[in-house]
C-alpha atoms as a PDB file:
ATOM      1  CA  UNK A   1      -0.121   0.010  -0.020  1.00  0.00           C
ATOM      2  CA  UNK A   2       1.390   3.431  -0.991  1.00  0.00           C
ATOM      3  CA  UNK A   3       1.778   5.649   2.104  1.00  0.00           C
ATOM      4  CA  UNK A   4      -0.120   8.823   1.973  1.00  0.00           C
ATOM      5  CA  UNK A   5      -1.825  11.654   4.143  1.00  0.00           C
ATOM      6  CA  UNK A   6      -5.215  10.366   3.192  1.00  0.00           C
ATOM      7  CA  UNK A   7      -6.452  10.304   6.811  1.00  0.00           C
ATOM      8  CA  UNK A   8      -5.758  13.993   7.052  1.00  0.00           C
ATOM      9  CA  UNK A   9      -7.750  14.961   3.830  1.00  0.00           C
ATOM     10  CA  UNK A  10     -10.870  17.197   4.573  1.00  0.00           C
ATOM     11  CA  UNK A  11     -14.211  15.991   3.277  1.00  0.00           C
ATOM     12  CA  UNK A  12     -16.597  18.878   2.831  1.00  0.00           C
ATOM     13  CA  UNK A  13     -19.454  20.126   0.762  1.00  0.00           C
ATOM     14  CA  UNK A  14     -19.830  21.803  -2.649  1.00  0.00           C
ATOM     15  CA  UNK A  15     -23.104  22.213  -4.666  1.00  0.00           C
ATOM     16  CA  UNK A  16     -24.481  23.198  -7.944  1.00  0.00           C
ATOM     17  CA  UNK A  17     -27.557  23.139 -10.202  1.00  0.00           C
ATOM     18  CA  UNK A  18     -28.216  21.104 -13.285  1.00  0.00           C
ATOM     19  CA  UNK A  19     -27.196  23.739 -15.882  1.00  0.00           C
ATOM     20  CA  UNK A  20     -29.257  24.457 -18.916  1.00  0.00           C
ATOM     21  CA  UNK A  21     -27.570  23.906 -22.231  1.00  0.00           C
ATOM     22  CA  UNK A  22     -26.263  27.266 -23.674  1.00  0.00           C
ATOM     23  CA  UNK A  23     -26.332  28.512 -27.310  1.00  0.00           C
ATOM     24  CA  UNK A  24     -27.749  27.027 -30.512  1.00  0.00           C
ATOM     25  CA  UNK A  25     -25.229  28.736 -32.758  1.00  0.00           C
ATOM     26  CA  UNK A  26     -23.434  27.186 -35.580  1.00  0.00           C
ATOM     27  CA  UNK A  27     -20.192  25.205 -34.559  1.00  0.00           C
ATOM     28  CA  UNK A  28     -17.499  25.400 -37.270  1.00  0.00           C
ATOM     29  CA  UNK A  29     -15.777  22.113 -37.901  1.00  0.00           C
ATOM     30  CA  UNK A  30     -11.867  21.881 -38.487  1.00  0.00           C
ATOM     31  CA  UNK A  31     -12.922  21.535 -42.204  1.00  0.00           C
ATOM     32  CA  UNK A  32     -14.932  24.795 -42.284  1.00  0.00           C
ATOM     33  CA  UNK A  33     -18.377  23.222 -42.212  1.00  0.00           C
ATOM     34  CA  UNK A  34     -21.058  24.992 -39.993  1.00  0.00           C
ATOM     35  CA  UNK A  35     -23.008  22.539 -37.982  1.00  0.00           C
ATOM     36  CA  UNK A  36     -25.786  22.635 -35.481  1.00  0.00           C
ATOM     37  CA  UNK A  37     -25.163  20.084 -32.743  1.00  0.00           C
ATOM     38  CA  UNK A  38     -26.034  19.156 -29.248  1.00  0.00           C
ATOM     39  CA  UNK A  39     -23.051  20.093 -26.956  1.00  0.00           C
ATOM     40  CA  UNK A  40     -22.576  20.704 -23.329  1.00  0.00           C
ATOM     41  CA  UNK A  41     -24.899  21.027 -20.374  1.00  0.00           C
ATOM     42  CA  UNK A  42     -28.260  19.533 -19.121  1.00  0.00           C
ATOM     43  CA  UNK A  43     -29.099  15.925 -18.621  1.00  0.00           C
ATOM     44  CA  UNK A  44     -27.622  13.650 -21.348  1.00  0.00           C
ATOM     45  CA  UNK A  45     -29.839  10.550 -21.097  1.00  0.00           C
ATOM     46  CA  UNK A  46     -28.081   8.206 -23.617  1.00  0.00           C
ATOM     47  CA  UNK A  47     -24.431   9.051 -23.261  1.00  0.00           C
ATOM     48  CA  UNK A  48     -22.804   7.536 -20.026  1.00  0.00           C
ATOM     49  CA  UNK A  49     -19.623   6.730 -18.191  1.00  0.00           C
ATOM     50  CA  UNK A  50     -18.027   3.860 -20.075  1.00  0.00           C
ATOM     51  CA  UNK A  51     -19.450   4.669 -23.493  1.00  0.00           C
ATOM     52  CA  UNK A  52     -17.347   5.425 -26.460  1.00  0.00           C
ATOM     53  CA  UNK A  53     -16.054   9.015 -26.611  1.00  0.00           C
ATOM     54  CA  UNK A  54     -16.145   8.920 -30.279  1.00  0.00           C
ATOM     55  CA  UNK A  55     -18.950   8.681 -32.861  1.00  0.00           C
ATOM     56  CA  UNK A  56     -21.586  10.777 -31.323  1.00  0.00           C
ATOM     57  CA  UNK A  57     -23.498  13.397 -33.584  1.00  0.00           C
ATOM     58  CA  UNK A  58     -22.352  16.140 -31.094  1.00  0.00           C
ATOM     59  CA  UNK A  59     -19.804  18.340 -29.842  1.00  0.00           C
ATOM     60  CA  UNK A  60     -18.012  18.303 -26.337  1.00  0.00           C
ATOM     61  CA  UNK A  61     -20.913  16.053 -25.240  1.00  0.00           C
ATOM     62  CA  UNK A  62     -20.868  15.449 -21.484  1.00  0.00           C
ATOM     63  CA  UNK A  63     -22.026  12.096 -20.290  1.00  0.00           C
ATOM     64  CA  UNK A  64     -24.688  12.135 -17.522  1.00  0.00           C
ATOM     65  CA  UNK A  65     -25.472  15.332 -15.613  1.00  0.00           C
ATOM     66  CA  UNK A  66     -23.687  18.782 -15.909  1.00  0.00           C
ATOM     67  CA  UNK A  67     -23.992  21.098 -12.896  1.00  0.00           C
ATOM     68  CA  UNK A  68     -22.735  24.698 -12.314  1.00  0.00           C
ATOM     69  CA  UNK A  69     -23.261  27.864 -10.220  1.00  0.00           C
ATOM     70  CA  UNK A  70     -23.812  31.187 -11.776  1.00  0.00           C
ATOM     71  CA  UNK A  71     -21.974  32.858  -9.089  1.00  0.00           C
ATOM     72  CA  UNK A  72     -18.393  32.503 -10.289  1.00  0.00           C
ATOM     73  CA  UNK A  73     -16.648  32.410  -6.839  1.00  0.00           C
ATOM     74  CA  UNK A  74     -19.044  29.600  -5.731  1.00  0.00           C
ATOM     75  CA  UNK A  75     -18.598  27.740  -9.165  1.00  0.00           C
ATOM     76  CA  UNK A  76     -14.784  28.024  -8.744  1.00  0.00           C
ATOM     77  CA  UNK A  77     -15.081  26.283  -5.591  1.00  0.00           C
ATOM     78  CA  UNK A  78     -17.202  23.612  -7.125  1.00  0.00           C
ATOM     79  CA  UNK A  79     -14.970  22.967 -10.061  1.00  0.00           C
ATOM     80  CA  UNK A  80     -11.656  22.985  -7.851  1.00  0.00           C
ATOM     81  CA  UNK A  81     -12.866  20.758  -5.017  1.00  0.00           C
ATOM     82  CA  UNK A  82     -15.225  18.380  -6.718  1.00  0.00           C
ATOM     83  CA  UNK A  83     -12.927  15.418  -7.432  1.00  0.00           C
ATOM     84  CA  UNK A  84     -13.219  12.435  -9.811  1.00  0.00           C
ATOM     85  CA  UNK A  85     -14.987   9.799  -7.932  1.00  0.00           C
ATOM     86  CA  UNK A  86     -16.558  11.807  -5.301  1.00  0.00           C
ATOM     87  CA  UNK A  87     -20.067  10.789  -4.230  1.00  0.00           C
ATOM     88  CA  UNK A  88     -22.733  13.375  -5.298  1.00  0.00           C
ATOM     89  CA  UNK A  89     -26.269  13.442  -3.940  1.00  0.00           C
ATOM     90  CA  UNK A  90     -29.532  15.027  -5.498  1.00  0.00           C
ATOM     91  CA  UNK A  91     -30.897  17.176  -2.787  1.00  0.00           C
ATOM     92  CA  UNK A  92     -34.064  18.766  -4.559  1.00  0.00           C
ATOM     93  CA  UNK A  93     -36.771  17.663  -6.969  1.00  0.00           C
ATOM     94  CA  UNK A  94     -38.175  14.453  -8.000  1.00  0.00           C
ATOM     95  CA  UNK A  95     -34.888  12.540  -7.921  1.00  0.00           C
ATOM     96  CA  UNK A  96     -34.052  13.845  -4.364  1.00  0.00           C
ATOM     97  CA  UNK A  97     -31.740  11.296  -2.671  1.00  0.00           C
ATOM     98  CA  UNK A  98     -30.293   9.665  -5.813  1.00  0.00           C
ATOM     99  CA  UNK A  99     -26.439   9.046  -5.576  1.00  0.00           C
ATOM    100  CA  UNK A 100     -24.042   9.476  -8.330  1.00  0.00           C
ATOM    101  CA  UNK A 101     -20.334  10.031  -8.849  1.00  0.00           C
ATOM    102  CA  UNK A 102     -18.220  12.895 -10.277  1.00  0.00           C
ATOM    103  CA  UNK A 103     -16.672  11.981 -13.595  1.00  0.00           C
ATOM    104  CA  UNK A 104     -14.581  15.331 -13.955  1.00  0.00           C
ATOM    105  CA  UNK A 105     -14.681  18.958 -14.589  1.00  0.00           C
ATOM    106  CA  UNK A 106     -14.977  20.680 -18.156  1.00  0.00           C
ATOM    107  CA  UNK A 107     -13.063  23.972 -18.461  1.00  0.00           C
ATOM    108  CA  UNK A 108     -14.400  26.719 -20.457  1.00  0.00           C
ATOM    109  CA  UNK A 109     -18.022  25.952 -19.836  1.00  0.00           C
ATOM    110  CA  UNK A 110     -16.905  25.163 -16.203  1.00  0.00           C
ATOM    111  CA  UNK A 111     -19.186  22.311 -15.748  1.00  0.00           C
ATOM    112  CA  UNK A 112     -18.819  19.476 -13.199  1.00  0.00           C
ATOM    113  CA  UNK A 113     -19.879  16.127 -14.764  1.00  0.00           C
ATOM    114  CA  UNK A 114     -21.684  13.517 -12.656  1.00  0.00           C
ATOM    115  CA  UNK A 115     -22.815  10.030 -13.542  1.00  0.00           C
ATOM    116  CA  UNK A 116     -26.251   8.834 -12.243  1.00  0.00           C
ATOM    117  CA  UNK A 117     -28.166   5.640 -12.999  1.00  0.00           C
ATOM    118  CA  UNK A 118     -30.843   5.846 -15.867  1.00  0.00           C
ATOM    119  CA  UNK A 119     -33.830   5.798 -13.484  1.00  0.00           C
ATOM    120  CA  UNK A 120     -32.554   8.794 -11.674  1.00  0.00           C
ATOM    121  CA  UNK A 121     -31.775  10.679 -14.751  1.00  0.00           C
ATOM    122  CA  UNK A 122     -35.393  10.153 -15.956  1.00  0.00           C
ATOM    123  CA  UNK A 123     -36.621  11.986 -12.645  1.00  0.00           C
ATOM    124  CA  UNK A 124     -34.315  14.995 -12.931  1.00  0.00           C
ATOM    125  CA  UNK A 125     -34.976  18.298 -14.152  1.00  0.00           C
ATOM    126  CA  UNK A 126     -32.890  21.541 -15.028  1.00  0.00           C
ATOM    127  CA  UNK A 127     -32.042  23.451 -11.874  1.00  0.00           C
ATOM    128  CA  UNK A 128     -32.108  20.419  -9.561  1.00  0.00           C
ATOM    129  CA  UNK A 129     -29.598  20.868  -6.954  1.00  0.00           C
ATOM    130  CA  UNK A 130     -26.763  18.414  -6.464  1.00  0.00           C
ATOM    131  CA  UNK A 131     -24.396  18.288  -3.362  1.00  0.00           C
ATOM    132  CA  UNK A 132     -21.027  16.781  -3.895  1.00  0.00           C
ATOM    133  CA  UNK A 133     -19.029  15.447  -0.867  1.00  0.00           C
ATOM    134  CA  UNK A 134     -15.758  17.116  -2.016  1.00  0.00           C
ATOM    135  CA  UNK A 135     -12.826  14.980  -0.928  1.00  0.00           C
ATOM    136  CA  UNK A 136      -9.372  14.665  -2.408  1.00  0.00           C
ATOM    137  CA  UNK A 137      -7.557  17.843  -2.995  1.00  0.00           C
ATOM    138  CA  UNK A 138      -4.239  17.816  -0.991  1.00  0.00           C
ATOM    139  CA  UNK A 139      -3.837  14.180  -1.267  1.00  0.00           C
ATOM    140  CA  UNK A 140      -0.043  13.533  -1.370  1.00  0.00           C
ATOM    141  CA  UNK A 141       2.135  10.397  -1.346  1.00  0.00           C
ATOM    142  CA  UNK A 142       4.703  10.063   1.439  1.00  0.00           C
ATOM    143  CA  UNK A 143       7.436   8.586  -0.633  1.00  0.00           C
ATOM    144  CA  UNK A 144       6.875  10.515  -3.920  1.00  0.00           C
ATOM    145  CA  UNK A 145       6.963  14.208  -3.012  1.00  0.00           C
ATOM    146  CA  UNK A 146       7.520  15.053  -6.654  1.00  0.00           C
ATOM    147  CA  UNK A 147       4.252  13.429  -7.779  1.00  0.00           C
ATOM    148  CA  UNK A 148       1.428  15.749  -7.598  1.00  0.00           C
ATOM    149  CA  UNK A 149      -2.056  14.017  -7.052  1.00  0.00           C
ATOM    150  CA  UNK A 150      -5.021  16.217  -8.009  1.00  0.00           C
ATOM    151  CA  UNK A 151      -8.734  16.082  -8.392  1.00  0.00           C
ATOM    152  CA  UNK A 152      -9.351  12.347  -7.419  1.00  0.00           C
ATOM    153  CA  UNK A 153     -11.142  10.860  -4.504  1.00  0.00           C
ATOM    154  CA  UNK A 154      -8.530   8.985  -2.297  1.00  0.00           C
ATOM    155  CA  UNK A 155     -10.949   6.010  -2.050  1.00  0.00           C
ATOM    156  CA  UNK A 156     -10.885   5.785  -5.820  1.00  0.00           C
ATOM    157  CA  UNK A 157      -7.056   6.573  -6.250  1.00  0.00           C
ATOM    158  CA  UNK A 158      -6.139   3.506  -4.181  1.00  0.00           C
ATOM    159  CA  UNK A 159      -8.300   1.360  -6.213  1.00  0.00           C
ATOM    160  CA  UNK A 160      -6.616   2.087  -9.412  1.00  0.00           C
ATOM    161  CA  UNK A 161      -3.918  -0.772  -9.102  1.00  0.00           C
ATOM    162  CA  UNK A 162      -0.983   1.571  -9.063  1.00  0.00           C
ATOM    163  CA  UNK A 163       2.318  -0.354  -8.443  1.00  0.00           C
ATOM    164  CA  UNK A 164       5.824   0.632  -7.504  1.00  0.00           C
ATOM    165  CA  UNK A 165       8.637  -0.467  -9.696  1.00  0.00           C
ATOM    166  CA  UNK A 166      12.285   0.686  -9.593  1.00  0.00           C
ATOM    167  CA  UNK A 167      11.344   3.958  -7.830  1.00  0.00           C
ATOM    168  CA  UNK A 168       8.592   4.677 -10.395  1.00  0.00           C
ATOM    169  CA  UNK A 169       4.808   4.447 -10.045  1.00  0.00           C
ATOM    170  CA  UNK A 170       3.304   2.269 -12.685  1.00  0.00           C
ATOM    171  CA  UNK A 171      -0.280   3.129 -13.573  1.00  0.00           C
ATOM    172  CA  UNK A 172      -2.739   1.078 -15.690  1.00  0.00           C
ATOM    173  CA  UNK A 173      -3.900   3.074 -18.706  1.00  0.00           C
ATOM    174  CA  UNK A 174      -5.812   2.434 -21.825  1.00  0.00           C
ATOM    175  CA  UNK A 175      -3.493   4.598 -24.031  1.00  0.00           C
ATOM    176  CA  UNK A 176      -0.617   6.913 -24.280  1.00  0.00           C
ATOM    177  CA  UNK A 177      -1.091  10.417 -25.703  1.00  0.00           C
ATOM    178  CA  UNK A 178       2.044  12.141 -27.427  1.00  0.00           C
ATOM    179  CA  UNK A 179       2.441  15.712 -26.616  1.00  0.00           C
ATOM    180  CA  UNK A 180       1.589  17.177 -30.208  1.00  0.00           C
ATOM    181  CA  UNK A 181      -1.918  16.075 -29.761  1.00  0.00           C
ATOM    182  CA  UNK A 182      -2.749  18.217 -26.646  1.00  0.00           C
ATOM    183  CA  UNK A 183      -4.767  21.047 -27.591  1.00  0.00           C
ATOM    184  CA  UNK A 184      -7.404  23.301 -26.069  1.00  0.00           C
ATOM    185  CA  UNK A 185      -6.824  24.097 -22.473  1.00  0.00           C
ATOM    186  CA  UNK A 186      -2.998  23.797 -22.661  1.00  0.00           C
ATOM    187  CA  UNK A 187      -1.255  26.876 -21.037  1.00  0.00           C
ATOM    188  CA  UNK A 188      -3.850  27.124 -18.349  1.00  0.00           C
ATOM    189  CA  UNK A 189      -2.322  28.429 -15.061  1.00  0.00           C
ATOM    190  CA  UNK A 190      -4.263  26.043 -13.004  1.00  0.00           C
ATOM    191  CA  UNK A 191      -4.672  22.163 -13.534  1.00  0.00           C
ATOM    192  CA  UNK A 192      -6.664  21.549 -10.388  1.00  0.00           C
ATOM    193  CA  UNK A 193      -9.803  22.360 -12.344  1.00  0.00           C
ATOM    194  CA  UNK A 194     -11.076  22.007 -15.886  1.00  0.00           C
ATOM    195  CA  UNK A 195      -9.548  19.762 -18.512  1.00  0.00           C
ATOM    196  CA  UNK A 196      -7.614  19.914 -21.842  1.00  0.00           C
ATOM    197  CA  UNK A 197      -8.342  18.171 -25.174  1.00  0.00           C
ATOM    198  CA  UNK A 198      -6.810  15.532 -27.368  1.00  0.00           C
ATOM    199  CA  UNK A 199      -7.002  17.058 -30.724  1.00  0.00           C
ATOM    200  CA  UNK A 200      -8.512  14.727 -33.244  1.00  0.00           C
ATOM    201  CA  UNK A 201      -8.551  16.378 -36.665  1.00  0.00           C
ATOM    202  CA  UNK A 202      -5.839  14.019 -37.785  1.00  0.00           C
ATOM    203  CA  UNK A 203      -7.913  10.990 -37.914  1.00  0.00           C
ATOM    204  CA  UNK A 204      -5.372   8.666 -39.275  1.00  0.00           C
ATOM    205  CA  UNK A 205      -2.908   9.481 -36.461  1.00  0.00           C
ATOM    206  CA  UNK A 206      -5.711   9.013 -33.951  1.00  0.00           C
ATOM    207  CA  UNK A 207      -6.446   5.632 -35.274  1.00  0.00           C
ATOM    208  CA  UNK A 208      -2.765   4.641 -35.501  1.00  0.00           C
ATOM    209  CA  UNK A 209      -2.492   5.340 -31.721  1.00  0.00           C
ATOM    210  CA  UNK A 210      -5.726   3.519 -30.889  1.00  0.00           C
ATOM    211  CA  UNK A 211      -7.190   6.688 -29.338  1.00  0.00           C
ATOM    212  CA  UNK A 212     -10.426   6.371 -31.456  1.00  0.00           C
ATOM    213  CA  UNK A 213     -11.298   3.549 -29.085  1.00  0.00           C
ATOM    214  CA  UNK A 214     -11.371   5.677 -25.980  1.00  0.00           C
ATOM    215  CA  UNK A 215     -14.443   5.715 -23.633  1.00  0.00           C
ATOM    216  CA  UNK A 216     -15.548   8.066 -21.093  1.00  0.00           C
ATOM    217  CA  UNK A 217     -13.797   7.329 -17.748  1.00  0.00           C
ATOM    218  CA  UNK A 218     -10.666   5.665 -19.428  1.00  0.00           C
ATOM    219  CA  UNK A 219      -7.379   6.350 -17.778  1.00  0.00           C
ATOM    220  CA  UNK A 220      -4.789   7.784 -20.299  1.00  0.00           C
ATOM    221  CA  UNK A 221      -1.025   8.816 -19.885  1.00  0.00           C
ATOM    222  CA  UNK A 222       0.037  12.249 -21.335  1.00  0.00           C
ATOM    223  CA  UNK A 223       3.624  12.270 -22.482  1.00  0.00           C
ATOM    224  CA  UNK A 224       5.762  15.420 -21.702  1.00  0.00           C
ATOM    225  CA  UNK A 225       2.726  16.990 -20.130  1.00  0.00           C
ATOM    226  CA  UNK A 226       3.385  18.954 -16.987  1.00  0.00           C
ATOM    227  CA  UNK A 227       0.190  19.680 -14.850  1.00  0.00           C
ATOM    228  CA  UNK A 228       1.989  20.340 -11.501  1.00  0.00           C
ATOM    229  CA  UNK A 229       1.036  24.000 -11.531  1.00  0.00           C
ATOM    230  CA  UNK A 230      -0.658  24.787 -14.680  1.00  0.00           C
ATOM    231  CA  UNK A 231      -0.801  22.973 -18.144  1.00  0.00           C
ATOM    232  CA  UNK A 232       2.215  22.965 -20.451  1.00  0.00           C
ATOM    233  CA  UNK A 233       4.840  21.121 -22.307  1.00  0.00           C
ATOM    234  CA  UNK A 234       7.904  19.726 -20.361  1.00  0.00           C
ATOM    235  CA  UNK A 235      10.298  17.037 -21.763  1.00  0.00           C
ATOM    236  CA  UNK A 236      10.099  13.884 -19.638  1.00  0.00           C
ATOM    237  CA  UNK A 237       7.066  15.065 -17.516  1.00  0.00           C
ATOM    238  CA  UNK A 238       4.222  12.576 -17.278  1.00  0.00           C
ATOM    239  CA  UNK A 239       0.660  13.130 -16.472  1.00  0.00           C
ATOM    240  CA  UNK A 240      -2.415  10.698 -15.973  1.00  0.00           C
ATOM    241  CA  UNK A 241      -6.020  11.752 -16.732  1.00  0.00           C
ATOM    242  CA  UNK A 242      -9.505  10.642 -17.241  1.00  0.00           C
ATOM    243  CA  UNK A 243     -11.544  11.097 -20.271  1.00  0.00           C
ATOM    244  CA  UNK A 244     -14.452  13.289 -19.362  1.00  0.00           C
ATOM    245  CA  UNK A 245     -16.116  14.587 -22.591  1.00  0.00           C
ATOM    246  CA  UNK A 246     -16.608  13.439 -26.181  1.00  0.00           C
ATOM    247  CA  UNK A 247     -14.749  14.075 -29.400  1.00  0.00           C
ATOM    248  CA  UNK A 248     -15.355  17.467 -31.073  1.00  0.00           C
ATOM    249  CA  UNK A 249     -15.793  19.167 -34.567  1.00  0.00           C
ATOM    250  CA  UNK A 250     -13.852  22.252 -33.670  1.00  0.00           C
ATOM    251  CA  UNK A 251     -10.176  22.586 -34.546  1.00  0.00           C
ATOM    252  CA  UNK A 252      -7.848  22.048 -31.606  1.00  0.00           C
ATOM    253  CA  UNK A 253     -10.392  20.142 -29.611  1.00  0.00           C
ATOM    254  CA  UNK A 254     -11.220  16.452 -29.088  1.00  0.00           C
ATOM    255  CA  UNK A 255     -11.799  14.147 -25.978  1.00  0.00           C
ATOM    256  CA  UNK A 256     -11.515  16.138 -22.707  1.00  0.00           C
ATOM    257  CA  UNK A 257      -9.059  14.952 -20.072  1.00  0.00           C
ATOM    258  CA  UNK A 258      -9.167  15.764 -16.297  1.00  0.00           C
ATOM    259  CA  UNK A 259      -5.744  15.168 -14.800  1.00  0.00           C
ATOM    260  CA  UNK A 260      -5.368  13.293 -11.580  1.00  0.00           C
ATOM    261  CA  UNK A 261      -1.619  12.868 -11.372  1.00  0.00           C
ATOM    262  CA  UNK A 262       1.513  14.724 -12.757  1.00  0.00           C
ATOM    263  CA  UNK A 263       5.227  14.931 -12.267  1.00  0.00           C
ATOM    264  CA  UNK A 264       7.966  16.799 -13.977  1.00  0.00           C
ATOM    265  CA  UNK A 265      10.317  14.005 -13.521  1.00  0.00           C
ATOM    266  CA  UNK A 266       9.724  10.514 -15.331  1.00  0.00           C
ATOM    267  CA  UNK A 267       8.577   8.946 -12.141  1.00  0.00           C
ATOM    268  CA  UNK A 268       5.187   7.856 -13.579  1.00  0.00           C
ATOM    269  CA  UNK A 269       4.951   5.037 -15.981  1.00  0.00           C
ATOM    270  CA  UNK A 270       1.926   3.508 -18.028  1.00  0.00           C
ATOM    271  CA  UNK A 271       1.007  -0.094 -18.327  1.00  0.00           C
ATOM    272  CA  UNK A 272      -1.443  -0.677 -21.086  1.00  0.00           C
ATOM    273  CA  UNK A 273      -4.756  -2.213 -19.855  1.00  0.00           C
ATOM    274  CA  UNK A 274      -7.867  -1.886 -22.054  1.00  0.00           C
ATOM    275  CA  UNK A 275     -10.054  -2.237 -18.991  1.00  0.00           C
ATOM    276  CA  UNK A 276      -8.607   0.800 -17.066  1.00  0.00           C
ATOM    277  CA  UNK A 277     -11.679   2.935 -16.494  1.00  0.00           C
ATOM    278  CA  UNK A 278     -12.984   4.535 -13.418  1.00  0.00           C
ATOM    279  CA  UNK A 279     -16.393   2.847 -14.044  1.00  0.00           C
ATOM    280  CA  UNK A 280     -14.773  -0.480 -13.032  1.00  0.00           C
ATOM    281  CA  UNK A 281     -14.270   0.857  -9.632  1.00  0.00           C
ATOM    282  CA  UNK A 282     -17.485   3.194  -9.109  1.00  0.00           C
ATOM    283  CA  UNK A 283     -20.359   1.250 -10.656  1.00  0.00           C
END
């Protein structure tokens, strides 16, 4: 068992409302084609954790339920402290009492994305309130101070099957993503909230790397990606993240990744495992 400070991590509450989808304007594809497509927000009834991230007739589709606060300071707390794997509870409306799990946080639109069972989705409505038992920020590994753990519930983190090998942490991942494919979101000054996208305009390269098979909730390794204090390129750095939204039609975009581990030194190693998905541990 990896030694950590998990017994001292504070568990507290953050909350948001199911956010109505915005817009309705044309989305311009990377080929210059204007399209009207479902995108972010609301309750997505037929796109779920564990489903393919590719192939949907949509753009930045968020599986399950998307919540937000219109007060920016309150929403910043929600998106910062709601961690992947945290328990979420509906506290108003016909689905009151339903329990789900945080999948990740989508930057730009600033949504927190939550998985619920189908029966509960059917009873939800826009503006229903959902409380998240926020737990995870501040988690650290005693013997790996250079590895930053972020935005993941400690209970989930220690279920991921991470091993120690020759002074490195070996993490099961579905795929490895080269740095030249990391797009929208790179350059952000804060990697503890939001996400960044795998660019997918080069379909042949995406297929060659097997990234077209990604599913919502899959764990991936990001090569030369520093997410310790913001998102940037750093040779030898390694980050681990979770797929949280669908492929996109816009240039510079694609499946979104919420990061959960990062190190500037090559102390994290990926081990390919096609079943490495958070759904395996949460559902």
